[in-house]
């Protein structure tokens, strides 16, 4: 699915815990990892600019630890704005996935998520995975990440923009211990709900995977998706998104971004037309 992944590393407790989880990316078909540290120009007072050699050495040590999982691992230190440089790095190496860790607890961390990770989501032409890292120990973090791909929730509106996300989720479902699909309607018609439920059920039946189906009506799809994820104790939400670039900000904000901001679960956002595949 995603052969080459770029992983954002900032040496915070969250990103260090994330590194302990990266072995689970084998589930996504990942074979090559590029670890990227961005010496940010956004905060000159606390900037790492001028210390690139130090961070390159630390990245090298992390890369060495990941080779035990069978990955081909590369490391890069760049200077600039974190979101822009992560996307640029992914495009430069032809990665099909960007992975970012987030604790997402404090207001500061939520602001950081909005200013960096969501900027990546808005502008990346490839899939983006935001991994919720809550535990403080690498062992506990690894357990959480293993659980993510064991309990998968597909959020779909059955549109063309959701088709590739649907394929990814169904691929994951074949090896998952639990799989659920949620679709949220704007219409209140019971007939519409029955029709959509049949369409959603057909998605699972065509792959032969058991699935719990949730079809509901409501104006705020993200609230329903998050509620199902929490009620079903899901480890990851897979959701499609349309396009990228300036116009995408409005589109992603309607559902995918809101799921990221509201939920305490990892989210894999798969673009409608990815520039890099495989």
C-alpha atoms as a PDB file:
ATOM      1  CA  UNK A   1       0.000   0.000   0.000  1.00  0.00           C
ATOM      2  CA  UNK A   2       2.583   2.570   1.134  1.00  0.00           C
ATOM      3  CA  UNK A   3       6.064   1.341   0.271  1.00  0.00           C
ATOM      4  CA  UNK A   4       7.998   4.476   1.272  1.00  0.00           C
ATOM      5  CA  UNK A   5       7.120   6.599   4.315  1.00  0.00           C
ATOM      6  CA  UNK A   6       8.600   9.882   5.502  1.00  0.00           C
ATOM      7  CA  UNK A   7       8.516  10.176   9.300  1.00  0.00           C
ATOM      8  CA  UNK A   8       8.647  13.553  11.026  1.00  0.00           C
ATOM      9  CA  UNK A   9      10.993  13.439  14.032  1.00  0.00           C
ATOM     10  CA  UNK A  10      11.518  16.353  16.432  1.00  0.00           C
ATOM     11  CA  UNK A  11      13.026  14.379  19.360  1.00  0.00           C
ATOM     12  CA  UNK A  12      10.106  15.252  21.626  1.00  0.00           C
ATOM     13  CA  UNK A  13       8.755  12.446  23.851  1.00  0.00           C
ATOM     14  CA  UNK A  14       5.956  11.958  21.310  1.00  0.00           C
ATOM     15  CA  UNK A  15       8.237  11.494  18.330  1.00  0.00           C
ATOM     16  CA  UNK A  16      10.620   9.247  20.249  1.00  0.00           C
ATOM     17  CA  UNK A  17       7.655   7.073  21.250  1.00  0.00           C
ATOM     18  CA  UNK A  18       6.510   7.134  17.631  1.00  0.00           C
ATOM     19  CA  UNK A  19       9.821   5.654  16.507  1.00  0.00           C
ATOM     20  CA  UNK A  20       9.134   2.668  18.771  1.00  0.00           C
ATOM     21  CA  UNK A  21       5.913   2.123  16.798  1.00  0.00           C
ATOM     22  CA  UNK A  22       7.319   2.263  13.300  1.00  0.00           C
ATOM     23  CA  UNK A  23       7.753  -1.481  12.997  1.00  0.00           C
ATOM     24  CA  UNK A  24       3.964  -1.667  12.697  1.00  0.00           C
ATOM     25  CA  UNK A  25       4.143   0.176   9.379  1.00  0.00           C
ATOM     26  CA  UNK A  26       4.991  -3.192   7.841  1.00  0.00           C
ATOM     27  CA  UNK A  27       1.228  -3.731   8.024  1.00  0.00           C
ATOM     28  CA  UNK A  28       0.853  -0.925   5.466  1.00  0.00           C
ATOM     29  CA  UNK A  29       3.399  -2.545   3.164  1.00  0.00           C
ATOM     30  CA  UNK A  30       6.118  -0.058   4.114  1.00  0.00           C
ATOM     31  CA  UNK A  31       9.638  -1.135   3.196  1.00  0.00           C
ATOM     32  CA  UNK A  32      11.533   2.165   3.167  1.00  0.00           C
ATOM     33  CA  UNK A  33      11.605   4.850   5.876  1.00  0.00           C
ATOM     34  CA  UNK A  34      13.063   8.336   5.615  1.00  0.00           C
ATOM     35  CA  UNK A  35      13.391  10.032   9.001  1.00  0.00           C
ATOM     36  CA  UNK A  36      13.291  13.821   8.691  1.00  0.00           C
ATOM     37  CA  UNK A  37      14.235  16.401  11.310  1.00  0.00           C
ATOM     38  CA  UNK A  38      13.420  20.019  10.465  1.00  0.00           C
ATOM     39  CA  UNK A  39      15.553  22.737  12.058  1.00  0.00           C
ATOM     40  CA  UNK A  40      12.733  25.251  12.200  1.00  0.00           C
ATOM     41  CA  UNK A  41      13.158  28.867  11.138  1.00  0.00           C
ATOM     42  CA  UNK A  42       9.814  29.669  12.765  1.00  0.00           C
ATOM     43  CA  UNK A  43      11.292  29.985  16.272  1.00  0.00           C
ATOM     44  CA  UNK A  44      14.717  31.618  15.938  1.00  0.00           C
ATOM     45  CA  UNK A  45      15.118  31.976  19.708  1.00  0.00           C
ATOM     46  CA  UNK A  46      15.067  28.217  20.219  1.00  0.00           C
ATOM     47  CA  UNK A  47      16.243  27.264  16.773  1.00  0.00           C
ATOM     48  CA  UNK A  48      18.289  24.151  16.077  1.00  0.00           C
ATOM     49  CA  UNK A  49      19.902  25.910  13.103  1.00  0.00           C
ATOM     50  CA  UNK A  50      23.647  25.543  13.363  1.00  0.00           C
ATOM     51  CA  UNK A  51      23.347  22.214  15.184  1.00  0.00           C
ATOM     52  CA  UNK A  52      22.407  20.133  12.165  1.00  0.00           C
ATOM     53  CA  UNK A  53      25.404  17.797  12.617  1.00  0.00           C
ATOM     54  CA  UNK A  54      24.224  16.938  16.140  1.00  0.00           C
ATOM     55  CA  UNK A  55      20.707  16.101  14.979  1.00  0.00           C
ATOM     56  CA  UNK A  56      22.004  14.188  11.967  1.00  0.00           C
ATOM     57  CA  UNK A  57      23.959  11.959  14.359  1.00  0.00           C
ATOM     58  CA  UNK A  58      20.882  11.403  16.519  1.00  0.00           C
ATOM     59  CA  UNK A  59      18.812  10.544  13.442  1.00  0.00           C
ATOM     60  CA  UNK A  60      21.489   8.104  12.342  1.00  0.00           C
ATOM     61  CA  UNK A  61      21.223   6.306  15.690  1.00  0.00           C
ATOM     62  CA  UNK A  62      17.439   6.066  15.309  1.00  0.00           C
ATOM     63  CA  UNK A  63      17.827   4.795  11.773  1.00  0.00           C
ATOM     64  CA  UNK A  64      20.170   2.056  12.938  1.00  0.00           C
ATOM     65  CA  UNK A  65      17.635   0.890  15.519  1.00  0.00           C
ATOM     66  CA  UNK A  66      14.954   0.534  12.831  1.00  0.00           C
ATOM     67  CA  UNK A  67      16.946  -1.718  10.522  1.00  0.00           C
ATOM     68  CA  UNK A  68      16.140  -4.612  12.881  1.00  0.00           C
ATOM     69  CA  UNK A  69      12.554  -4.431  11.547  1.00  0.00           C
ATOM     70  CA  UNK A  70      13.784  -5.091   8.035  1.00  0.00           C
ATOM     71  CA  UNK A  71      13.346  -1.528   6.771  1.00  0.00           C
ATOM     72  CA  UNK A  72      15.660   0.297   4.427  1.00  0.00           C
ATOM     73  CA  UNK A  73      16.169   3.467   6.466  1.00  0.00           C
ATOM     74  CA  UNK A  74      17.420   6.917   5.459  1.00  0.00           C
ATOM     75  CA  UNK A  75      17.780  10.086   7.522  1.00  0.00           C
ATOM     76  CA  UNK A  76      17.769  13.750   6.582  1.00  0.00           C
ATOM     77  CA  UNK A  77      18.122  17.059   8.437  1.00  0.00           C
ATOM     78  CA  UNK A  78      16.685  20.100   6.683  1.00  0.00           C
ATOM     79  CA  UNK A  79      16.171  23.765   7.545  1.00  0.00           C
ATOM     80  CA  UNK A  80      12.871  25.591   7.094  1.00  0.00           C
ATOM     81  CA  UNK A  81       9.228  25.488   8.145  1.00  0.00           C
ATOM     82  CA  UNK A  82       8.354  21.997   9.457  1.00  0.00           C
ATOM     83  CA  UNK A  83       5.166  21.336   7.484  1.00  0.00           C
ATOM     84  CA  UNK A  84       6.533  22.614   4.188  1.00  0.00           C
ATOM     85  CA  UNK A  85       9.804  20.735   4.584  1.00  0.00           C
ATOM     86  CA  UNK A  86       8.134  17.447   5.481  1.00  0.00           C
ATOM     87  CA  UNK A  87       5.991  17.640   2.348  1.00  0.00           C
ATOM     88  CA  UNK A  88       8.983  18.682   0.243  1.00  0.00           C
ATOM     89  CA  UNK A  89      11.051  15.810   1.634  1.00  0.00           C
ATOM     90  CA  UNK A  90       8.286  13.311   0.856  1.00  0.00           C
ATOM     91  CA  UNK A  91       8.010  14.591  -2.707  1.00  0.00           C
ATOM     92  CA  UNK A  92      11.787  14.570  -3.152  1.00  0.00           C
ATOM     93  CA  UNK A  93      12.143  10.888  -2.198  1.00  0.00           C
ATOM     94  CA  UNK A  94       8.880   9.780  -3.829  1.00  0.00           C
ATOM     95  CA  UNK A  95       7.228   8.721  -0.550  1.00  0.00           C
ATOM     96  CA  UNK A  96       3.574   7.660  -0.600  1.00  0.00           C
ATOM     97  CA  UNK A  97       2.995   8.357   3.118  1.00  0.00           C
ATOM     98  CA  UNK A  98       3.939  10.950   5.739  1.00  0.00           C
ATOM     99  CA  UNK A  99       3.788   9.846   9.391  1.00  0.00           C
ATOM    100  CA  UNK A 100       3.591  12.317  12.278  1.00  0.00           C
ATOM    101  CA  UNK A 101       3.156  11.626  15.992  1.00  0.00           C
ATOM    102  CA  UNK A 102       1.006  13.754  18.274  1.00  0.00           C
ATOM    103  CA  UNK A 103      -0.007  13.606  21.908  1.00  0.00           C
ATOM    104  CA  UNK A 104      -2.798  16.121  21.289  1.00  0.00           C
ATOM    105  CA  UNK A 105      -3.562  16.777  24.958  1.00  0.00           C
ATOM    106  CA  UNK A 106      -2.697  20.349  25.888  1.00  0.00           C
ATOM    107  CA  UNK A 107      -3.842  23.533  24.193  1.00  0.00           C
ATOM    108  CA  UNK A 108      -0.251  24.126  23.073  1.00  0.00           C
ATOM    109  CA  UNK A 109      -0.079  20.667  21.513  1.00  0.00           C
ATOM    110  CA  UNK A 110      -3.449  21.177  19.808  1.00  0.00           C
ATOM    111  CA  UNK A 111      -2.203  24.483  18.445  1.00  0.00           C
ATOM    112  CA  UNK A 112       0.933  22.723  17.197  1.00  0.00           C
ATOM    113  CA  UNK A 113      -1.227  20.063  15.582  1.00  0.00           C
ATOM    114  CA  UNK A 114      -3.134  22.805  13.799  1.00  0.00           C
ATOM    115  CA  UNK A 115      -0.077  24.744  12.726  1.00  0.00           C
ATOM    116  CA  UNK A 116       2.104  21.857  11.581  1.00  0.00           C
ATOM    117  CA  UNK A 117       0.382  18.515  11.143  1.00  0.00           C
ATOM    118  CA  UNK A 118      -2.768  19.954   9.616  1.00  0.00           C
ATOM    119  CA  UNK A 119      -0.662  22.086   7.288  1.00  0.00           C
ATOM    120  CA  UNK A 120       0.922  18.833   6.139  1.00  0.00           C
ATOM    121  CA  UNK A 121      -2.535  17.331   5.632  1.00  0.00           C
ATOM    122  CA  UNK A 122      -3.706  20.366   3.683  1.00  0.00           C
ATOM    123  CA  UNK A 123      -0.801  20.432   1.250  1.00  0.00           C
ATOM    124  CA  UNK A 124       0.540  16.894   0.978  1.00  0.00           C
ATOM    125  CA  UNK A 125      -0.306  15.117  -2.295  1.00  0.00           C
ATOM    126  CA  UNK A 126       0.235  11.780  -0.555  1.00  0.00           C
ATOM    127  CA  UNK A 127      -1.411   9.981   2.369  1.00  0.00           C
ATOM    128  CA  UNK A 128      -0.828  11.319   5.886  1.00  0.00           C
ATOM    129  CA  UNK A 129      -1.006   9.302   9.094  1.00  0.00           C
ATOM    130  CA  UNK A 130      -1.336  11.133  12.421  1.00  0.00           C
ATOM    131  CA  UNK A 131      -0.475   8.751  15.246  1.00  0.00           C
ATOM    132  CA  UNK A 132      -1.841   9.509  18.698  1.00  0.00           C
ATOM    133  CA  UNK A 133       0.913   8.804  21.193  1.00  0.00           C
ATOM    134  CA  UNK A 134      -0.404   8.826  24.755  1.00  0.00           C
ATOM    135  CA  UNK A 135       1.808   6.456  26.807  1.00  0.00           C
ATOM    136  CA  UNK A 136       5.168   7.702  28.034  1.00  0.00           C
ATOM    137  CA  UNK A 137       7.147   4.483  27.637  1.00  0.00           C
ATOM    138  CA  UNK A 138       8.320   3.103  24.272  1.00  0.00           C
ATOM    139  CA  UNK A 139       6.966  -0.335  25.216  1.00  0.00           C
ATOM    140  CA  UNK A 140       3.484   1.013  25.910  1.00  0.00           C
ATOM    141  CA  UNK A 141       3.586   3.119  22.751  1.00  0.00           C
ATOM    142  CA  UNK A 142       4.512   0.084  20.665  1.00  0.00           C
ATOM    143  CA  UNK A 143       1.535  -1.769  22.114  1.00  0.00           C
ATOM    144  CA  UNK A 144      -0.808   1.100  21.212  1.00  0.00           C
ATOM    145  CA  UNK A 145       0.506   1.192  17.652  1.00  0.00           C
ATOM    146  CA  UNK A 146       0.129  -2.565  17.242  1.00  0.00           C
ATOM    147  CA  UNK A 147      -3.488  -2.184  18.334  1.00  0.00           C
ATOM    148  CA  UNK A 148      -4.092   0.560  15.763  1.00  0.00           C
ATOM    149  CA  UNK A 149      -4.026  -1.796  12.814  1.00  0.00           C
ATOM    150  CA  UNK A 150      -5.875  -4.490  14.744  1.00  0.00           C
ATOM    151  CA  UNK A 151      -9.004  -2.348  15.152  1.00  0.00           C
ATOM    152  CA  UNK A 152      -9.834  -0.400  11.993  1.00  0.00           C
ATOM    153  CA  UNK A 153     -12.669   2.042  11.307  1.00  0.00           C
ATOM    154  CA  UNK A 154     -13.449   3.207   7.779  1.00  0.00           C
ATOM    155  CA  UNK A 155     -15.301   6.520   7.569  1.00  0.00           C
ATOM    156  CA  UNK A 156     -16.840   6.902   4.119  1.00  0.00           C
ATOM    157  CA  UNK A 157     -19.459   8.968   2.308  1.00  0.00           C
ATOM    158  CA  UNK A 158     -19.340   6.493  -0.625  1.00  0.00           C
ATOM    159  CA  UNK A 159     -18.062   9.246  -2.912  1.00  0.00           C
ATOM    160  CA  UNK A 160     -15.282   8.959  -5.496  1.00  0.00           C
ATOM    161  CA  UNK A 161     -12.997  10.807  -3.067  1.00  0.00           C
ATOM    162  CA  UNK A 162     -13.371   7.961  -0.584  1.00  0.00           C
ATOM    163  CA  UNK A 163     -12.666   5.103  -2.978  1.00  0.00           C
ATOM    164  CA  UNK A 164      -8.943   4.754  -2.383  1.00  0.00           C
ATOM    165  CA  UNK A 165      -9.356   5.128   1.391  1.00  0.00           C
ATOM    166  CA  UNK A 166     -11.954   2.366   1.194  1.00  0.00           C
ATOM    167  CA  UNK A 167      -9.510   0.056  -0.592  1.00  0.00           C
ATOM    168  CA  UNK A 168      -6.820   0.752   1.994  1.00  0.00           C
ATOM    169  CA  UNK A 169      -9.208   0.114   4.898  1.00  0.00           C
ATOM    170  CA  UNK A 170     -10.463  -3.129   3.377  1.00  0.00           C
ATOM    171  CA  UNK A 171      -6.879  -4.309   2.861  1.00  0.00           C
ATOM    172  CA  UNK A 172      -6.210  -3.653   6.542  1.00  0.00           C
ATOM    173  CA  UNK A 173      -9.489  -5.308   7.528  1.00  0.00           C
ATOM    174  CA  UNK A 174      -8.414  -8.636   6.065  1.00  0.00           C
ATOM    175  CA  UNK A 175      -5.856  -9.012   8.863  1.00  0.00           C
ATOM    176  CA  UNK A 176      -7.628  -6.999  11.582  1.00  0.00           C
ATOM    177  CA  UNK A 177      -9.360  -8.442  14.625  1.00  0.00           C
ATOM    178  CA  UNK A 178     -12.144  -5.836  14.398  1.00  0.00           C
ATOM    179  CA  UNK A 179     -13.439  -3.767  11.492  1.00  0.00           C
ATOM    180  CA  UNK A 180     -16.234  -1.215  11.330  1.00  0.00           C
ATOM    181  CA  UNK A 181     -17.618   1.122   8.676  1.00  0.00           C
ATOM    182  CA  UNK A 182     -19.419   4.369   9.419  1.00  0.00           C
ATOM    183  CA  UNK A 183     -21.316   6.530   6.934  1.00  0.00           C
ATOM    184  CA  UNK A 184     -23.119   9.719   7.941  1.00  0.00           C
ATOM    185  CA  UNK A 185     -26.095  11.004   5.941  1.00  0.00           C
ATOM    186  CA  UNK A 186     -27.328  14.549   5.615  1.00  0.00           C
ATOM    187  CA  UNK A 187     -30.793  13.274   4.715  1.00  0.00           C
ATOM    188  CA  UNK A 188     -33.225  12.065   7.368  1.00  0.00           C
ATOM    189  CA  UNK A 189     -35.058   9.579   5.140  1.00  0.00           C
ATOM    190  CA  UNK A 190     -35.262   6.009   6.433  1.00  0.00           C
ATOM    191  CA  UNK A 191     -35.291   4.844   2.811  1.00  0.00           C
ATOM    192  CA  UNK A 192     -32.011   6.661   2.166  1.00  0.00           C
ATOM    193  CA  UNK A 193     -30.518   5.103   5.274  1.00  0.00           C
ATOM    194  CA  UNK A 194     -31.530   1.612   4.171  1.00  0.00           C
ATOM    195  CA  UNK A 195     -30.046   2.205   0.714  1.00  0.00           C
ATOM    196  CA  UNK A 196     -26.743   3.462   2.102  1.00  0.00           C
ATOM    197  CA  UNK A 197     -26.580   0.622   4.629  1.00  0.00           C
ATOM    198  CA  UNK A 198     -26.939  -1.865   1.765  1.00  0.00           C
ATOM    199  CA  UNK A 199     -24.155  -0.131  -0.175  1.00  0.00           C
ATOM    200  CA  UNK A 200     -21.855  -0.114   2.852  1.00  0.00           C
ATOM    201  CA  UNK A 201     -22.589  -3.770   3.602  1.00  0.00           C
ATOM    202  CA  UNK A 202     -21.762  -4.612  -0.010  1.00  0.00           C
ATOM    203  CA  UNK A 203     -18.284  -3.109   0.430  1.00  0.00           C
ATOM    204  CA  UNK A 204     -17.509  -5.582   3.202  1.00  0.00           C
ATOM    205  CA  UNK A 205     -19.225  -8.516   1.523  1.00  0.00           C
ATOM    206  CA  UNK A 206     -17.252  -8.084  -1.699  1.00  0.00           C
ATOM    207  CA  UNK A 207     -14.023  -8.592   0.266  1.00  0.00           C
ATOM    208  CA  UNK A 208     -15.482 -11.244   2.521  1.00  0.00           C
ATOM    209  CA  UNK A 209     -14.562  -9.373   5.696  1.00  0.00           C
ATOM    210  CA  UNK A 210     -16.913  -9.171   8.691  1.00  0.00           C
ATOM    211  CA  UNK A 211     -17.806  -5.596   9.572  1.00  0.00           C
ATOM    212  CA  UNK A 212     -19.928  -3.689  12.042  1.00  0.00           C
ATOM    213  CA  UNK A 213     -21.990  -1.188  10.035  1.00  0.00           C
ATOM    214  CA  UNK A 214     -23.021   2.240  11.322  1.00  0.00           C
ATOM    215  CA  UNK A 215     -25.253   4.451   9.160  1.00  0.00           C
ATOM    216  CA  UNK A 216     -26.638   7.575  10.783  1.00  0.00           C
ATOM    217  CA  UNK A 217     -27.937  11.037   9.998  1.00  0.00           C
ATOM    218  CA  UNK A 218     -26.556  14.326  11.243  1.00  0.00           C
ATOM    219  CA  UNK A 219     -25.020  17.598  10.209  1.00  0.00           C
ATOM    220  CA  UNK A 220     -21.650  17.053  11.882  1.00  0.00           C
ATOM    221  CA  UNK A 221     -20.170  13.886  10.430  1.00  0.00           C
ATOM    222  CA  UNK A 222     -16.957  14.193  12.453  1.00  0.00           C
ATOM    223  CA  UNK A 223     -18.826  13.962  15.764  1.00  0.00           C
ATOM    224  CA  UNK A 224     -20.513  10.732  14.692  1.00  0.00           C
ATOM    225  CA  UNK A 225     -17.242   9.262  13.420  1.00  0.00           C
ATOM    226  CA  UNK A 226     -15.411  10.061  16.647  1.00  0.00           C
ATOM    227  CA  UNK A 227     -18.299   8.704  18.731  1.00  0.00           C
ATOM    228  CA  UNK A 228     -18.235   5.393  16.838  1.00  0.00           C
ATOM    229  CA  UNK A 229     -14.440   5.185  17.114  1.00  0.00           C
ATOM    230  CA  UNK A 230     -14.658   5.619  20.877  1.00  0.00           C
ATOM    231  CA  UNK A 231     -17.653   3.301  21.350  1.00  0.00           C
ATOM    232  CA  UNK A 232     -16.038   0.540  19.263  1.00  0.00           C
ATOM    233  CA  UNK A 233     -12.607   1.130  20.852  1.00  0.00           C
ATOM    234  CA  UNK A 234     -10.987   1.529  17.451  1.00  0.00           C
ATOM    235  CA  UNK A 235      -7.274   2.008  16.970  1.00  0.00           C
ATOM    236  CA  UNK A 236      -7.297   3.925  13.697  1.00  0.00           C
ATOM    237  CA  UNK A 237      -9.761   5.803  11.503  1.00  0.00           C
ATOM    238  CA  UNK A 238      -9.211   5.636   7.742  1.00  0.00           C
ATOM    239  CA  UNK A 239     -10.798   8.534   5.869  1.00  0.00           C
ATOM    240  CA  UNK A 240     -10.537   9.904   2.345  1.00  0.00           C
ATOM    241  CA  UNK A 241      -9.795  13.491   1.446  1.00  0.00           C
ATOM    242  CA  UNK A 242     -10.093  15.529  -1.710  1.00  0.00           C
ATOM    243  CA  UNK A 243      -7.130  17.111  -3.422  1.00  0.00           C
ATOM    244  CA  UNK A 244      -4.481  19.306  -1.822  1.00  0.00           C
ATOM    245  CA  UNK A 245      -3.355  22.920  -1.895  1.00  0.00           C
ATOM    246  CA  UNK A 246      -5.243  26.141  -1.029  1.00  0.00           C
ATOM    247  CA  UNK A 247      -8.719  24.919  -2.030  1.00  0.00           C
ATOM    248  CA  UNK A 248      -8.204  21.747  -0.028  1.00  0.00           C
ATOM    249  CA  UNK A 249      -8.147  23.634   3.288  1.00  0.00           C
ATOM    250  CA  UNK A 250     -11.892  24.187   3.084  1.00  0.00           C
ATOM    251  CA  UNK A 251     -12.657  20.606   2.042  1.00  0.00           C
ATOM    252  CA  UNK A 252     -10.527  18.797   4.587  1.00  0.00           C
ATOM    253  CA  UNK A 253     -11.850  21.011   7.357  1.00  0.00           C
ATOM    254  CA  UNK A 254     -15.342  19.620   6.946  1.00  0.00           C
ATOM    255  CA  UNK A 255     -14.643  16.076   8.123  1.00  0.00           C
ATOM    256  CA  UNK A 256     -11.101  14.700   8.123  1.00  0.00           C
ATOM    257  CA  UNK A 257      -9.538  17.634   9.976  1.00  0.00           C
ATOM    258  CA  UNK A 258     -12.398  17.699  12.467  1.00  0.00           C
ATOM    259  CA  UNK A 259     -11.913  13.983  13.182  1.00  0.00           C
ATOM    260  CA  UNK A 260      -8.250  14.628  13.886  1.00  0.00           C
ATOM    261  CA  UNK A 261      -9.002  17.523  16.215  1.00  0.00           C
ATOM    262  CA  UNK A 262     -11.895  15.903  18.085  1.00  0.00           C
ATOM    263  CA  UNK A 263     -10.711  12.328  18.425  1.00  0.00           C
ATOM    264  CA  UNK A 264      -8.124  10.577  20.531  1.00  0.00           C
ATOM    265  CA  UNK A 265      -7.417   7.950  17.904  1.00  0.00           C
ATOM    266  CA  UNK A 266      -4.872   7.699  15.099  1.00  0.00           C
ATOM    267  CA  UNK A 267      -6.089   8.835  11.690  1.00  0.00           C
ATOM    268  CA  UNK A 268      -4.935   7.767   8.233  1.00  0.00           C
ATOM    269  CA  UNK A 269      -6.001  10.271   5.563  1.00  0.00           C
ATOM    270  CA  UNK A 270      -5.846   8.938   2.020  1.00  0.00           C
ATOM    271  CA  UNK A 271      -6.094  11.402  -0.884  1.00  0.00           C
ATOM    272  CA  UNK A 272      -8.463  10.930  -3.773  1.00  0.00           C
ATOM    273  CA  UNK A 273      -5.673  11.246  -6.369  1.00  0.00           C
ATOM    274  CA  UNK A 274      -2.313  10.505  -4.700  1.00  0.00           C
ATOM    275  CA  UNK A 275       0.749  11.683  -6.577  1.00  0.00           C
ATOM    276  CA  UNK A 276       2.819   8.771  -5.304  1.00  0.00           C
ATOM    277  CA  UNK A 277       1.377   5.266  -5.147  1.00  0.00           C
ATOM    278  CA  UNK A 278       2.853   2.116  -3.655  1.00  0.00           C
END
